[in-house]
Protein backbone atom coordinates (compact mmCIF):
# COMPACT_ATOMS: atom_id res chain seq x y z
CA UNK A 1 121.37 -95.05 105.94
CA UNK A 2 123.42 -92.08 104.81
CA UNK A 3 127.19 -92.15 104.44
CA UNK A 4 127.64 -89.97 107.52
CA UNK A 5 125.36 -92.15 109.67
CA UNK A 6 127.23 -95.27 108.50
CA UNK A 7 130.48 -93.55 109.43
CA UNK A 8 129.17 -92.66 112.90
CA UNK A 9 127.89 -96.18 113.40
CA UNK A 10 131.27 -97.67 112.46
CA UNK A 11 133.06 -95.28 114.79
CA UNK A 12 130.78 -96.16 117.67
CA UNK A 13 131.17 -99.90 117.09
CA UNK A 14 134.96 -99.58 117.01
CA UNK A 15 134.98 -97.65 120.29
CA UNK A 16 132.61 -100.11 121.92
CA UNK A 17 134.79 -103.02 120.83
CA UNK A 18 137.88 -101.32 122.21
CA UNK A 19 136.21 -100.81 125.57
CA UNK A 20 134.88 -104.37 125.64
CA UNK A 21 138.36 -105.68 124.92
CA UNK A 22 139.62 -104.05 128.13
CA UNK A 23 136.89 -104.64 130.74
CA UNK A 24 139.13 -103.99 133.75
CA UNK A 25 140.29 -100.71 132.29
CA UNK A 26 136.72 -99.74 131.41
CA UNK A 27 135.61 -100.49 134.97
CA UNK A 28 138.37 -98.26 136.33
CA UNK A 29 137.47 -95.51 133.88
CA UNK A 30 133.80 -95.72 134.82
CA UNK A 31 134.65 -95.70 138.51
CA UNK A 32 136.93 -92.69 138.22
CA UNK A 33 134.41 -90.84 136.04
CA UNK A 34 131.69 -91.50 138.63
CA UNK A 35 133.97 -90.11 141.35
CA UNK A 36 134.72 -86.98 139.31
CA UNK A 37 138.43 -87.85 139.15
CA UNK A 38 138.52 -88.35 135.37
CA UNK A 39 136.64 -86.16 132.90
CA UNK A 40 135.85 -86.71 129.25
CA UNK A 41 136.99 -83.97 126.89
CA UNK A 42 135.44 -82.29 123.86
CA UNK A 43 138.23 -83.73 121.71
CA UNK A 44 137.52 -87.41 122.41
CA UNK A 45 140.14 -87.97 125.09
CA UNK A 46 140.06 -88.08 128.90
CA UNK A 47 141.96 -86.14 131.52
CA UNK A 48 142.44 -85.97 135.26
CA UNK A 49 139.91 -83.52 136.64
CA UNK A 50 140.96 -83.92 140.25
CA UNK A 51 144.49 -82.73 141.01
CA UNK A 52 144.57 -85.05 144.04
CA UNK A 53 143.86 -88.09 141.88
CA UNK A 54 145.29 -91.47 142.85
CA UNK A 55 148.42 -92.46 140.93
CA UNK A 56 146.65 -95.28 139.13
CA UNK A 57 144.08 -92.80 137.76
CA UNK A 58 146.88 -91.22 135.69
CA UNK A 59 147.70 -94.67 134.31
CA UNK A 60 144.04 -95.15 133.36
CA UNK A 61 144.05 -91.79 131.55
CA UNK A 62 147.22 -92.69 129.67
CA UNK A 63 145.93 -96.13 128.68
CA UNK A 64 142.49 -94.91 127.60
CA UNK A 65 143.97 -92.06 125.57
CA UNK A 66 146.49 -94.36 123.88
CA UNK A 67 143.76 -96.81 122.88
CA UNK A 68 141.49 -94.04 121.67
CA UNK A 69 144.31 -92.42 119.68
CA UNK A 70 144.93 -95.73 117.91
CA UNK A 71 141.25 -96.11 117.06
CA UNK A 72 140.99 -92.52 115.86
CA UNK A 73 144.09 -92.84 113.67
CA UNK A 74 142.85 -96.07 112.10
CA UNK A 75 139.41 -94.61 111.40
CA UNK A 76 140.87 -91.40 110.02
CA UNK A 77 143.14 -93.32 107.67
CA UNK A 78 140.36 -95.59 106.45
CA UNK A 79 137.94 -92.70 105.94
CA UNK A 80 140.60 -90.27 104.68
CA UNK A 81 139.61 -87.57 107.15
CA UNK A 82 141.58 -85.67 109.82
CA UNK A 83 142.15 -87.51 113.10
CA UNK A 84 140.76 -84.54 115.03
CA UNK A 85 137.45 -84.84 113.17
CA UNK A 86 137.16 -88.52 114.04
CA UNK A 87 137.98 -87.82 117.69
CA UNK A 88 135.30 -85.12 117.94
CA UNK A 89 132.71 -87.48 116.47
CA UNK A 90 133.66 -90.05 119.08
CA UNK A 91 133.47 -87.37 121.79
CA UNK A 92 129.86 -86.64 120.86
CA UNK A 93 128.99 -90.34 121.02
CA UNK A 94 130.82 -90.75 124.33
CA UNK A 95 128.83 -87.83 125.74
CA UNK A 96 125.56 -89.42 124.63
CA UNK A 97 126.47 -92.81 126.12
CA UNK A 98 128.16 -91.68 129.34
CA UNK A 99 126.26 -92.14 132.58
CA UNK A 100 124.79 -89.23 134.47
CA UNK A 101 127.34 -87.54 136.70
CA UNK A 102 130.17 -87.75 134.16
CA UNK A 103 132.14 -84.52 133.78
CA UNK A 104 132.91 -83.20 130.30
CA UNK A 105 135.46 -80.52 129.51
CA UNK A 106 134.24 -78.10 126.86
CA UNK A 107 136.46 -76.41 124.27
CA UNK A 108 136.54 -73.25 126.38
CA UNK A 109 138.08 -75.18 129.30
CA UNK A 110 134.99 -75.22 131.49
CA UNK A 111 133.38 -78.40 132.79
CA UNK A 112 129.81 -79.52 132.55
CA UNK A 113 128.35 -82.41 134.53
CA UNK A 114 125.99 -84.67 132.62
């Protein structure tokens, strides 16, 4: 296993553990992603895609982004790499693991539905 594949594996495990640690939040995130209310972003974070989103969807976005930011910062510090690089690696893994129908915001601001 190469250093970069070990790094990716560690990042994925950390994200999976963070999501497992908050099953109710993960269920809400999955539900809102399936409804097209919340979209994943190219930078490893989520956002409200639907301007008419329920108030609790904003809370889910804030909580998910805060947890992800913590994970990204910890990984970046331990690997001595920029946080943005870690977040983009996570974003690629999230895209691969997300269920069909999930919206992703690309760097150019457009959305693509998986």
